């Protein structure tokens, strides 16, 4: 019985300590962090949590550098304050610790939070964004929202940090030789998978850097899935016949010269008639001279 009473007392004390700690916690929101590489400085005390919102206007590579002159923690959160990543620091006034959060991010609002229950000291942080070309539609993260891949058009895409797949689709009306290409400049590999209309895998290519292949496919709908390493890529499919430009015949005269050609033909014909008449006249003159001379 005494043991149970002791456990209950310890539980009450623990709950009281937790409540006191919660009451001492301070959530401090600061001015938005600009993405221009300029340092923002601050100081934290135990129980303080400093929030810095930052807005990404276009998809790109974001680098958030955090430097603590004390022990502590930094967190990256989405717009709903859901933590995506964190890092613990063990810096000091004479030897700060630095950590870079580097991610390919989609447009949106994010938060950087600095501080924890025991952190006390100075810190500073800065952020930059390197925009990436992107032709992606918002819902191409799964095949149900697959983006149309027009024949012969190169599309730029970016696999962002929490973006597992990018899907594209095209439809063939008859059996066609499809020329499929993709490329990436990343050191890490990005992969490509080709599915049919039932999402049955037909082919897979690991590391699309410099990828080019011609595949004979029957009529139907197809999906192209780009996945794996985060970062930019390009993808292209050629499946519609190019409109052949009419070849100009070397023997055919330009339309504007047709009347001249007709006139030339008429002149030649007229010249032939004139020559025949002249020969006939000469023959008649010779005949009459012969009679008179006789």
Protein backbone atom coordinates (compact mmCIF):
# COMPACT_ATOMS: atom_id res chain seq x y z
CA UNK A 1 0.00 0.00 0.00
CA UNK A 2 2.80 2.39 0.87
CA UNK A 3 4.47 1.59 -2.45
CA UNK A 4 1.34 2.51 -4.38
CA UNK A 5 1.04 5.78 -2.47
CA UNK A 6 4.67 6.59 -3.24
CA UNK A 7 4.14 5.95 -6.94
CA UNK A 8 1.09 8.22 -6.95
CA UNK A 9 3.09 10.99 -5.28
CA UNK A 10 5.85 10.68 -7.87
CA UNK A 11 3.29 10.81 -10.67
CA UNK A 12 1.74 14.00 -9.26
CA UNK A 13 5.17 15.60 -8.96
CA UNK A 14 6.06 14.65 -12.54
CA UNK A 15 2.81 16.09 -13.88
CA UNK A 16 3.37 19.26 -11.90
CA UNK A 17 6.89 19.65 -13.25
CA UNK A 18 5.62 19.14 -16.79
CA UNK A 19 2.91 21.74 -16.32
CA UNK A 20 5.44 24.20 -14.91
CA UNK A 21 7.73 23.60 -17.85
CA UNK A 22 4.85 24.16 -20.27
CA UNK A 23 3.98 27.41 -18.52
CA UNK A 24 7.59 28.59 -18.78
CA UNK A 25 7.81 27.86 -22.53
CA UNK A 26 7.62 30.91 -24.76
CA UNK A 27 6.81 30.77 -28.45
CA UNK A 28 8.22 33.86 -30.14
CA UNK A 29 7.44 34.61 -33.78
CA UNK A 30 9.88 36.88 -35.61
CA UNK A 31 9.76 38.86 -38.82
CA UNK A 32 9.91 36.68 -41.97
CA UNK A 33 13.34 35.42 -42.93
CA UNK A 34 14.36 36.84 -46.31
CA UNK A 35 15.92 34.58 -48.93
CA UNK A 36 18.74 36.97 -49.77
CA UNK A 37 21.60 35.51 -47.74
CA UNK A 38 21.54 38.26 -45.08
CA UNK A 39 22.17 37.14 -41.49
CA UNK A 40 19.40 37.50 -38.91
CA UNK A 41 20.73 37.50 -35.33
CA UNK A 42 19.11 36.67 -32.04
CA UNK A 43 19.51 35.20 -28.56
CA UNK A 44 17.64 32.45 -26.80
CA UNK A 45 17.06 31.42 -23.19
CA UNK A 46 15.83 28.15 -21.70
CA UNK A 47 12.24 27.46 -22.68
CA UNK A 48 12.20 29.92 -25.60
CA UNK A 49 11.27 28.79 -29.10
CA UNK A 50 11.97 31.33 -31.83
CA UNK A 51 9.96 30.95 -35.05
CA UNK A 52 11.09 32.47 -38.34
CA UNK A 53 8.67 32.10 -41.27
CA UNK A 54 10.04 32.18 -44.81
CA UNK A 55 8.16 32.04 -48.10
CA UNK A 56 9.27 30.24 -51.24
CA UNK A 57 7.73 31.92 -54.29
CA UNK A 58 8.95 29.44 -56.91
CA UNK A 59 10.30 25.92 -56.86
CA UNK A 60 14.02 25.82 -56.19
CA UNK A 61 16.94 24.78 -54.02
CA UNK A 62 16.65 26.41 -50.59
CA UNK A 63 19.61 26.62 -48.21
CA UNK A 64 18.93 27.64 -44.60
CA UNK A 65 22.12 28.10 -42.54
CA UNK A 66 21.81 28.01 -38.75
CA UNK A 67 24.70 28.91 -36.45
CA UNK A 68 24.43 28.55 -32.66
CA UNK A 69 26.93 29.93 -30.13
CA UNK A 70 25.45 27.56 -27.56
CA UNK A 71 23.79 24.19 -27.30
CA UNK A 72 20.30 23.86 -28.69
CA UNK A 73 18.08 22.67 -31.50
CA UNK A 74 16.82 23.95 -34.85
CA UNK A 75 13.79 22.59 -36.70
CA UNK A 76 12.36 22.99 -40.20
CA UNK A 77 8.54 22.97 -40.32
CA UNK A 78 5.87 23.32 -42.97
CA UNK A 79 3.15 25.97 -42.97
CA UNK A 80 1.11 23.91 -40.48
CA UNK A 81 4.07 23.83 -38.05
CA UNK A 82 4.61 20.13 -38.65
CA UNK A 83 8.27 19.27 -38.16
CA UNK A 84 10.09 17.91 -41.21
CA UNK A 85 13.67 17.92 -39.99
CA UNK A 86 15.79 18.91 -36.98
CA UNK A 87 19.39 19.26 -35.86
CA UNK A 88 20.93 19.40 -32.38
CA UNK A 89 23.82 21.80 -31.74
CA UNK A 90 26.70 21.74 -29.29
CA UNK A 91 28.25 25.14 -29.96
CA UNK A 92 29.81 27.68 -27.62
CA UNK A 93 30.58 31.39 -27.61
CA UNK A 94 34.11 30.73 -28.86
CA UNK A 95 33.30 27.83 -31.17
CA UNK A 96 29.87 28.09 -32.81
CA UNK A 97 28.35 25.08 -34.54
CA UNK A 98 26.85 25.52 -38.01
CA UNK A 99 24.34 23.38 -39.88
CA UNK A 100 22.82 23.81 -43.34
CA UNK A 101 19.30 22.62 -44.14
CA UNK A 102 19.37 22.13 -47.93
CA UNK A 103 16.20 21.10 -49.74
CA UNK A 104 14.44 21.41 -53.08
CA UNK A 105 11.19 23.09 -52.01
CA UNK A 106 7.88 23.79 -53.70
CA UNK A 107 6.21 27.21 -53.39
CA UNK A 108 4.76 27.77 -49.94
CA UNK A 109 5.41 29.05 -46.43
CA UNK A 110 7.86 27.28 -44.12
CA UNK A 111 9.19 27.88 -40.60
CA UNK A 112 12.58 27.66 -38.95
CA UNK A 113 12.43 27.20 -35.17
CA UNK A 114 15.46 27.79 -32.91
CA UNK A 115 15.66 26.90 -29.21
CA UNK A 116 14.70 24.24 -26.68
CA UNK A 117 14.22 23.77 -22.96
CA UNK A 118 17.88 24.33 -22.02
CA UNK A 119 19.37 26.43 -24.81
CA UNK A 120 20.90 29.74 -23.75
CA UNK A 121 23.07 31.93 -25.94
CA UNK A 122 23.32 33.74 -29.24
CA UNK A 123 22.48 32.46 -32.70
CA UNK A 124 22.25 33.70 -36.24
CA UNK A 125 20.73 32.36 -39.44
CA UNK A 126 20.29 33.15 -43.12
CA UNK A 127 18.59 31.64 -46.16
CA UNK A 128 18.93 31.63 -49.95
CA UNK A 129 16.92 30.19 -52.84
CA UNK A 130 18.22 29.05 -56.21
CA UNK A 131 15.17 28.86 -58.55
CA UNK A 132 14.75 25.86 -60.86
CA UNK A 133 12.95 25.62 -64.20
CA UNK A 134 9.68 23.76 -63.77
CA UNK A 135 6.76 23.06 -66.10
CA UNK A 136 5.01 20.79 -63.61
CA UNK A 137 1.30 20.87 -62.87
CA UNK A 138 0.33 20.86 -59.16
CA UNK A 139 -1.12 17.33 -58.97
CA UNK A 140 1.38 15.18 -60.87
CA UNK A 141 2.67 13.49 -57.71
CA UNK A 142 0.62 10.36 -58.54
CA UNK A 143 -0.66 8.79 -61.74
CA UNK A 144 -4.24 9.99 -61.14
CA UNK A 145 -3.02 13.55 -61.63
CA UNK A 146 -0.44 12.68 -64.29
CA UNK A 147 0.62 15.60 -66.46
CA UNK A 148 0.15 15.34 -70.23
CA UNK A 149 3.45 14.88 -72.06
CA UNK A 150 2.95 16.45 -75.51
CA UNK A 151 4.80 14.83 -78.39
CA UNK A 152 8.15 16.44 -79.11
CA UNK A 153 8.00 18.88 -76.17
CA UNK A 154 10.73 18.86 -73.50
CA UNK A 155 9.32 19.40 -70.00
CA UNK A 156 11.33 20.55 -66.99
CA UNK A 157 10.49 19.03 -63.63
CA UNK A 158 11.83 19.00 -60.07
CA UNK A 159 11.57 16.24 -57.49
CA UNK A 160 11.23 18.28 -54.29
CA UNK A 161 12.22 17.14 -50.82
CA UNK A 162 8.90 15.52 -49.91
CA UNK A 163 7.90 14.70 -53.48
CA UNK A 164 8.28 10.95 -54.08
CA UNK A 165 7.16 10.75 -57.73
CA UNK A 166 6.36 12.90 -60.76
CA UNK A 167 3.99 11.32 -63.29
CA UNK A 168 3.46 12.12 -66.97
CA UNK A 169 1.10 10.54 -69.49
CA UNK A 170 0.60 10.21 -73.24
CA UNK A 171 -1.89 8.34 -75.44
CA UNK A 172 -1.29 6.49 -78.72
CA UNK A 173 -4.09 5.99 -81.25
CA UNK A 174 -2.18 3.25 -83.09
CA UNK A 175 0.97 1.20 -82.78
CA UNK A 176 3.82 3.71 -82.66
CA UNK A 177 7.57 3.80 -82.22
CA UNK A 178 7.95 6.15 -79.23
CA UNK A 179 11.28 7.92 -78.79
CA UNK A 180 11.65 8.55 -75.06
CA UNK A 181 14.42 10.72 -73.56
CA UNK A 182 15.25 12.05 -70.10
CA UNK A 183 18.21 13.78 -68.51
CA UNK A 184 19.53 14.95 -65.15
CA UNK A 185 22.58 16.92 -64.09
CA UNK A 186 22.59 15.55 -60.53
CA UNK A 187 25.36 13.41 -59.11
CA UNK A 188 22.74 11.16 -57.51
CA UNK A 189 20.59 8.96 -59.72
CA UNK A 190 17.05 9.72 -60.79
CA UNK A 191 15.07 6.82 -62.26
CA UNK A 192 12.35 6.40 -64.89
CA UNK A 193 9.58 3.81 -65.06
CA UNK A 194 7.18 3.27 -67.99
CA UNK A 195 3.71 1.89 -67.18
CA UNK A 196 0.78 0.92 -69.38
CA UNK A 197 -2.78 2.16 -68.81
CA UNK A 198 -3.34 -0.43 -66.06
CA UNK A 199 -0.20 0.76 -64.25
CA UNK A 200 1.64 -2.45 -65.15
CA UNK A 201 5.37 -1.82 -65.34
CA UNK A 202 6.72 -2.16 -68.89
CA UNK A 203 10.26 -0.85 -68.53
CA UNK A 204 12.56 0.77 -65.98
CA UNK A 205 15.73 2.81 -66.36
CA UNK A 206 18.05 3.49 -63.42
CA UNK A 207 19.86 6.83 -63.68
CA UNK A 208 18.28 8.80 -66.51
CA UNK A 209 21.38 10.90 -67.20
CA UNK A 210 21.63 10.97 -71.02
CA UNK A 211 18.81 8.41 -71.40
CA UNK A 212 17.36 7.89 -74.90
CA UNK A 213 15.42 4.88 -76.17
CA UNK A 214 12.96 4.00 -78.93
CA UNK A 215 10.15 1.67 -77.85
CA UNK A 216 7.46 0.16 -80.10
CA UNK A 217 4.13 0.42 -78.26
CA UNK A 218 0.58 -0.57 -79.21
CA UNK A 219 -2.31 1.88 -79.06
CA UNK A 220 -3.23 2.90 -75.52
CA UNK A 221 -2.45 5.20 -72.60
CA UNK A 222 0.95 5.20 -70.93
CA UNK A 223 2.52 6.72 -67.81
CA UNK A 224 6.08 7.89 -67.23
CA UNK A 225 7.21 8.02 -63.60
CA UNK A 226 10.32 9.98 -62.53
CA UNK A 227 11.47 9.15 -58.99
CA UNK A 228 14.39 8.81 -56.53
CA UNK A 229 17.01 11.58 -56.05
CA UNK A 230 15.71 15.07 -55.35
CA UNK A 231 16.38 17.78 -57.91
CA UNK A 232 15.69 18.94 -61.48
CA UNK A 233 15.36 16.82 -64.62
CA UNK A 234 13.97 16.94 -68.16
CA UNK A 235 11.72 14.43 -69.94
CA UNK A 236 10.49 14.18 -73.53
CA UNK A 237 8.51 11.74 -75.69
CA UNK A 238 8.17 11.85 -79.49
CA UNK A 239 5.22 9.80 -80.71
CA UNK A 240 3.36 11.90 -83.31
CA UNK A 241 4.67 11.99 -86.92
CA UNK A 242 6.25 15.29 -87.80
CA UNK A 243 4.51 17.25 -90.57
CA UNK A 244 6.73 16.71 -93.61
CA UNK A 245 7.61 19.93 -95.41
CA UNK A 246 6.85 19.67 -99.17
CA UNK A 247 10.05 19.39 -101.20
CA UNK A 248 10.36 21.93 -103.99
CA UNK A 249 11.02 20.27 -107.38
CA UNK A 250 14.09 21.55 -109.17
CA UNK A 251 12.22 21.27 -112.50
CA UNK A 252 9.04 23.00 -111.40
CA UNK A 253 8.92 26.73 -112.14
CA UNK A 254 7.60 29.14 -109.51
CA UNK A 255 3.90 29.89 -109.79
CA UNK A 256 4.60 33.54 -110.56
CA UNK A 257 6.63 32.56 -113.65
CA UNK A 258 3.89 30.42 -115.23
CA UNK A 259 2.52 33.17 -117.54
CA UNK A 260 6.03 33.82 -118.84
CA UNK A 261 6.44 30.15 -119.59
CA UNK A 262 3.14 30.10 -121.49
CA UNK A 263 4.16 33.18 -123.48
CA UNK A 264 7.49 31.57 -124.36
CA UNK A 265 5.67 28.51 -125.62
CA UNK A 266 3.32 30.68 -127.66
CA UNK A 267 6.24 32.63 -129.10
CA UNK A 268 7.94 29.42 -130.15
CA UNK A 269 4.74 28.18 -131.75
CA UNK A 270 4.27 31.49 -133.56
CA UNK A 271 7.84 31.37 -134.80
CA UNK A 272 7.29 27.90 -136.26
CA UNK A 273 4.14 29.05 -138.13
CA UNK A 274 6.00 32.05 -139.52
CA UNK A 275 8.85 29.89 -140.77
CA UNK A 276 6.43 27.53 -142.56
CA UNK A 277 4.67 30.46 -144.29
CA UNK A 278 7.98 31.93 -145.43
CA UNK A 279 9.08 28.63 -146.96
CA UNK A 280 5.75 28.28 -148.78
CA UNK A 281 6.09 31.79 -150.26
CA UNK A 282 9.61 31.11 -151.51
CA UNK A 283 8.43 27.92 -153.20
CA UNK A 284 5.58 29.71 -155.03
CA UNK A 285 7.93 32.49 -156.22
CA UNK A 286 10.33 29.92 -157.64
CA UNK A 287 7.50 28.15 -159.47
CA UNK A 288 6.31 31.39 -161.19
CA UNK A 289 9.83 32.35 -162.19
CA UNK A 290 10.18 28.94 -163.79
CA UNK A 291 7.04 29.41 -165.90
CA UNK A 292 8.09 32.85 -167.12
CA UNK A 293 11.53 31.69 -167.93
CA UNK A 294 10.08 28.78 -169.87
